[in-house]
Amino acid sequence: MADKATQGLVESGQVETIDSCSSPGGFMAQLFTGRRTFVDALVDVRPRNALAFAAEVAQHQGYHLLRRVRSRGGA
């Protein structure tokens, strides 16, 4: 079912690229060959920095730092 939906989206011309966001060894990786590496990005387009945006950036960076530490066996 997912492969037919994906094929339909790509053939419609409305979608150029699609990916599953699953882990590299997951089930969806079998359906989506030629996967690309994606990154998270936070962009504030307002003329001045907001405290809420700074807090979100700090949370995002802290989350990824702790994941790296955990994956190295440090936590």
N, C-alpha and C. Protein backbone atom coordinates (compact mmCIF):
# COMPACT_ATOMS: atom_id res chain seq x y z
N MET A 1 0.81 -1.19 0.00
CA MET A 1 0.00 0.00 0.00
C MET A 1 0.87 1.27 0.00
N ALA A 2 1.90 1.29 0.86
CA ALA A 2 2.76 2.47 0.92
C ALA A 2 3.50 2.68 -0.39
N ASP A 3 3.91 1.58 -1.02
CA ASP A 3 4.64 1.72 -2.28
C ASP A 3 3.74 2.28 -3.38
N LYS A 4 2.46 1.91 -3.40
CA LYS A 4 1.53 2.45 -4.40
C LYS A 4 1.24 3.92 -4.15
N ALA A 5 1.09 4.30 -2.88
CA ALA A 5 0.86 5.70 -2.55
C ALA A 5 2.07 6.55 -2.94
N THR A 6 3.26 6.05 -2.66
CA THR A 6 4.49 6.75 -3.02
C THR A 6 4.62 6.89 -4.52
N GLN A 7 4.38 5.81 -5.24
CA GLN A 7 4.46 5.84 -6.70
C GLN A 7 3.47 6.84 -7.27
N GLY A 8 2.26 6.87 -6.73
CA GLY A 8 1.25 7.82 -7.19
C GLY A 8 1.66 9.26 -6.96
N LEU A 9 2.25 9.54 -5.81
CA LEU A 9 2.70 10.91 -5.51
C LEU A 9 3.80 11.35 -6.47
N VAL A 10 4.77 10.48 -6.69
CA VAL A 10 5.89 10.83 -7.57
C VAL A 10 5.40 11.00 -9.01
N GLU A 11 4.54 10.10 -9.47
CA GLU A 11 4.04 10.18 -10.84
C GLU A 11 3.13 11.39 -11.07
N SER A 12 2.52 11.91 -10.00
CA SER A 12 1.63 13.07 -10.13
C SER A 12 2.39 14.33 -10.51
N GLY A 13 3.71 14.35 -10.27
CA GLY A 13 4.50 15.54 -10.55
C GLY A 13 4.44 16.58 -9.44
N GLN A 14 3.64 16.33 -8.41
CA GLN A 14 3.51 17.27 -7.29
C GLN A 14 4.60 17.07 -6.24
N VAL A 15 5.23 15.90 -6.25
CA VAL A 15 6.25 15.56 -5.28
C VAL A 15 7.50 15.12 -6.02
N GLU A 16 8.64 15.71 -5.68
CA GLU A 16 9.89 15.35 -6.32
C GLU A 16 10.63 14.26 -5.56
N THR A 17 10.59 14.34 -4.23
CA THR A 17 11.31 13.39 -3.38
C THR A 17 10.44 13.03 -2.19
N ILE A 18 10.52 11.78 -1.78
CA ILE A 18 9.78 11.33 -0.60
C ILE A 18 10.67 10.37 0.17
N ASP A 19 10.55 10.38 1.50
CA ASP A 19 11.33 9.49 2.34
C ASP A 19 10.46 9.11 3.53
N SER A 20 10.85 8.10 4.26
CA SER A 20 10.01 7.55 5.32
C SER A 20 10.29 8.09 6.71
N CYS A 21 11.45 8.64 6.96
CA CYS A 21 11.88 9.10 8.28
C CYS A 21 12.07 7.94 9.27
N SER A 22 12.13 6.72 8.77
CA SER A 22 12.36 5.58 9.66
C SER A 22 13.86 5.37 9.84
N SER A 23 14.19 4.52 10.79
CA SER A 23 15.61 4.24 11.03
C SER A 23 16.19 3.51 9.82
N PRO A 24 17.51 3.61 9.60
CA PRO A 24 18.13 3.01 8.42
C PRO A 24 17.87 1.51 8.27
N GLY A 25 17.73 0.78 9.35
CA GLY A 25 17.50 -0.65 9.25
C GLY A 25 16.04 -1.04 9.36
N GLY A 26 15.14 -0.06 9.40
CA GLY A 26 13.72 -0.33 9.59
C GLY A 26 13.02 -0.87 8.35
N PHE A 27 11.77 -1.25 8.54
CA PHE A 27 10.96 -1.82 7.47
C PHE A 27 10.84 -0.86 6.28
N MET A 28 10.60 0.42 6.55
CA MET A 28 10.39 1.38 5.47
C MET A 28 11.65 1.58 4.63
N ALA A 29 12.81 1.32 5.20
CA ALA A 29 14.05 1.46 4.44
C ALA A 29 14.10 0.49 3.27
N GLN A 30 13.36 -0.60 3.37
CA GLN A 30 13.31 -1.57 2.28
C GLN A 30 12.51 -1.02 1.10
N LEU A 31 11.53 -0.16 1.38
CA LEU A 31 10.69 0.41 0.33
C LEU A 31 11.33 1.62 -0.33
N PHE A 32 12.08 2.39 0.45
CA PHE A 32 12.67 3.62 -0.05
C PHE A 32 14.17 3.41 -0.28
N THR A 33 14.53 3.03 -1.48
CA THR A 33 15.94 2.84 -1.79
C THR A 33 16.57 4.18 -2.16
N GLY A 34 17.87 4.28 -2.04
CA GLY A 34 18.56 5.52 -2.38
C GLY A 34 18.24 6.64 -1.41
N ARG A 35 18.09 6.30 -0.13
CA ARG A 35 17.71 7.29 0.87
C ARG A 35 18.79 8.34 1.04
N ARG A 36 18.38 9.51 1.44
CA ARG A 36 19.29 10.62 1.71
C ARG A 36 19.31 10.93 3.19
N THR A 37 20.39 11.53 3.64
CA THR A 37 20.48 11.95 5.03
C THR A 37 19.73 13.27 5.19
N PHE A 38 18.87 13.32 6.18
CA PHE A 38 18.13 14.55 6.47
C PHE A 38 18.63 15.14 7.76
N VAL A 39 18.45 16.43 7.91
CA VAL A 39 18.84 17.11 9.14
C VAL A 39 17.67 17.94 9.64
N ASP A 40 17.67 18.22 10.92
CA ASP A 40 16.70 19.14 11.50
C ASP A 40 17.24 20.55 11.38
N ALA A 41 16.39 21.49 11.11
CA ALA A 41 16.81 22.89 11.02
C ALA A 41 15.77 23.78 11.66
N LEU A 42 16.23 24.70 12.48
CA LEU A 42 15.36 25.72 13.06
C LEU A 42 15.80 27.06 12.51
N VAL A 43 14.86 27.80 11.93
CA VAL A 43 15.18 29.09 11.33
C VAL A 43 14.19 30.13 11.83
N ASP A 44 14.68 31.18 12.40
CA ASP A 44 13.83 32.29 12.86
C ASP A 44 13.93 33.40 11.82
N VAL A 45 12.84 33.73 11.17
CA VAL A 45 12.85 34.73 10.10
C VAL A 45 12.34 36.08 10.57
N ARG A 46 12.06 36.20 11.84
CA ARG A 46 11.60 37.49 12.36
C ARG A 46 12.77 38.47 12.44
N PRO A 47 12.47 39.77 12.42
CA PRO A 47 13.54 40.76 12.42
C PRO A 47 14.40 40.78 13.68
N ARG A 48 13.88 40.30 14.79
CA ARG A 48 14.70 40.26 16.01
C ARG A 48 14.51 38.92 16.69
N ASN A 49 15.50 38.51 17.46
CA ASN A 49 15.44 37.21 18.12
C ASN A 49 14.40 37.20 19.23
N ALA A 50 13.71 36.11 19.35
CA ALA A 50 12.70 35.95 20.39
C ALA A 50 13.21 34.98 21.45
N LEU A 51 12.82 35.20 22.68
CA LEU A 51 13.22 34.32 23.78
C LEU A 51 12.71 32.89 23.54
N ALA A 52 11.50 32.75 23.02
CA ALA A 52 10.94 31.42 22.78
C ALA A 52 11.78 30.66 21.75
N PHE A 53 12.25 31.36 20.73
CA PHE A 53 13.08 30.69 19.72
C PHE A 53 14.41 30.27 20.34
N ALA A 54 15.02 31.13 21.13
CA ALA A 54 16.29 30.79 21.79
C ALA A 54 16.11 29.57 22.70
N ALA A 55 14.99 29.50 23.40
CA ALA A 55 14.72 28.35 24.27
C ALA A 55 14.55 27.08 23.44
N GLU A 56 13.88 27.17 22.32
CA GLU A 56 13.69 26.00 21.45
C GLU A 56 15.01 25.52 20.88
N VAL A 57 15.86 26.44 20.47
CA VAL A 57 17.19 26.07 19.96
C VAL A 57 18.00 25.38 21.05
N ALA A 58 17.98 25.92 22.27
CA ALA A 58 18.73 25.32 23.37
C ALA A 58 18.21 23.92 23.68
N GLN A 59 16.91 23.74 23.66
CA GLN A 59 16.31 22.42 23.92
C GLN A 59 16.73 21.44 22.82
N HIS A 60 16.68 21.87 21.59
CA HIS A 60 17.03 21.03 20.44
C HIS A 60 18.50 20.61 20.51
N GLN A 61 19.37 21.55 20.79
CA GLN A 61 20.80 21.25 20.88
C GLN A 61 21.09 20.32 22.07
N GLY A 62 20.44 20.58 23.19
CA GLY A 62 20.63 19.73 24.37
C GLY A 62 20.17 18.31 24.13
N TYR A 63 19.04 18.16 23.49
CA TYR A 63 18.51 16.84 23.18
C TYR A 63 19.50 16.04 22.33
N HIS A 64 20.01 16.66 21.28
CA HIS A 64 20.95 15.95 20.40
C HIS A 64 22.30 15.71 21.06
N LEU A 65 22.74 16.60 21.92
CA LEU A 65 23.97 16.38 22.67
C LEU A 65 23.82 15.17 23.59
N LEU A 66 22.71 15.09 24.30
CA LEU A 66 22.49 13.96 25.20
C LEU A 66 22.37 12.64 24.43
N ARG A 67 21.78 12.66 23.27
CA ARG A 67 21.70 11.44 22.45
C ARG A 67 23.09 10.98 22.03
N ARG A 68 23.97 11.95 21.65
CA ARG A 68 25.34 11.57 21.27
C ARG A 68 26.09 11.00 22.46
N VAL A 69 25.94 11.61 23.63
CA VAL A 69 26.60 11.12 24.82
C VAL A 69 26.11 9.72 25.15
N ARG A 70 24.81 9.50 25.08
CA ARG A 70 24.25 8.20 25.38
C ARG A 70 24.73 7.14 24.40
N SER A 71 24.82 7.48 23.12
CA SER A 71 25.24 6.50 22.13
C SER A 71 26.70 6.11 22.28
N ARG A 72 27.48 6.97 22.91
CA ARG A 72 28.89 6.66 23.17
C ARG A 72 29.07 5.88 24.47
N GLY A 73 27.97 5.66 25.19
CA GLY A 73 28.04 4.92 26.45
C GLY A 73 28.39 5.80 27.62
N GLY A 74 28.28 7.12 27.46
CA GLY A 74 28.64 8.03 28.55
C GLY A 74 27.52 8.35 29.50
N ALA A 75 26.31 7.83 29.23
CA ALA A 75 25.20 8.11 30.13
C ALA A 75 24.30 6.91 30.26
